Amino acid sequence: MDLGLAGRVALVCGSTKGLGRAVAKTLAQEGA
């Protein structure tokens, strides 16, 4: 999935488990 986030900065709070972790991993895979 290409979200167009390469080179962007994202802040995810509560990213140690659950939904926050999934969001953080997806953003990292997208290059954010």
C-alpha atoms as a PDB file:
ATOM      1  CA  MET A   1       0.000   0.000   0.000  1.00  0.00           C
ATOM      2  CA  ASP A   2       1.455   3.387  -0.981  1.00  0.00           C
ATOM      3  CA  LEU A   3       0.265   6.088   1.382  1.00  0.00           C
ATOM      4  CA  GLY A   4       2.679   8.706   0.014  1.00  0.00           C
ATOM      5  CA  LEU A   5       4.409   9.131   3.375  1.00  0.00           C
ATOM      6  CA  ALA A   6       8.049   8.647   2.335  1.00  0.00           C
ATOM      7  CA  GLY A   7      10.253  11.189   4.103  1.00  0.00           C
ATOM      8  CA  ARG A   8       7.441  12.494   6.313  1.00  0.00           C
ATOM      9  CA  VAL A   9       7.474  12.595  10.106  1.00  0.00           C
ATOM     10  CA  ALA A  10       4.762  10.898  12.151  1.00  0.00           C
ATOM     11  CA  LEU A  11       4.151  10.886  15.904  1.00  0.00           C
ATOM     12  CA  VAL A  12       2.271   7.876  17.264  1.00  0.00           C
ATOM     13  CA  CYS A  13       1.409   7.893  20.968  1.00  0.00           C
ATOM     14  CA  GLY A  14       0.931   4.598  22.777  1.00  0.00           C
ATOM     15  CA  SER A  15       2.757   2.543  20.167  1.00  0.00           C
ATOM     16  CA  THR A  16       3.999  -0.290  22.408  1.00  0.00           C
ATOM     17  CA  LYS A  17       1.091  -2.646  21.727  1.00  0.00           C
ATOM     18  CA  GLY A  18      -2.270  -2.966  20.048  1.00  0.00           C
ATOM     19  CA  LEU A  19      -3.504  -0.504  17.464  1.00  0.00           C
ATOM     20  CA  GLY A  20      -0.759   2.045  18.125  1.00  0.00           C
ATOM     21  CA  ARG A  21       1.932  -0.541  17.425  1.00  0.00           C
ATOM     22  CA  ALA A  22       0.245  -1.598  14.180  1.00  0.00           C
ATOM     23  CA  VAL A  23       0.018   2.030  13.058  1.00  0.00           C
ATOM     24  CA  ALA A  24       3.669   2.675  13.942  1.00  0.00           C
ATOM     25  CA  LYS A  25       4.818  -0.431  12.042  1.00  0.00           C
ATOM     26  CA  THR A  26       2.770   0.514   8.972  1.00  0.00           C
ATOM     27  CA  LEU A  27       4.118   4.063   8.985  1.00  0.00           C
ATOM     28  CA  ALA A  28       7.675   2.739   9.279  1.00  0.00           C
ATOM     29  CA  GLN A  29       7.120   0.394   6.346  1.00  0.00           C
ATOM     30  CA  GLU A  30       5.865   3.361   4.322  1.00  0.00           C
ATOM     31  CA  GLY A  31       9.058   5.283   5.069  1.00  0.00           C
ATOM     32  CA  ALA A  32       7.613   7.826   7.483  1.00  0.00           C
END
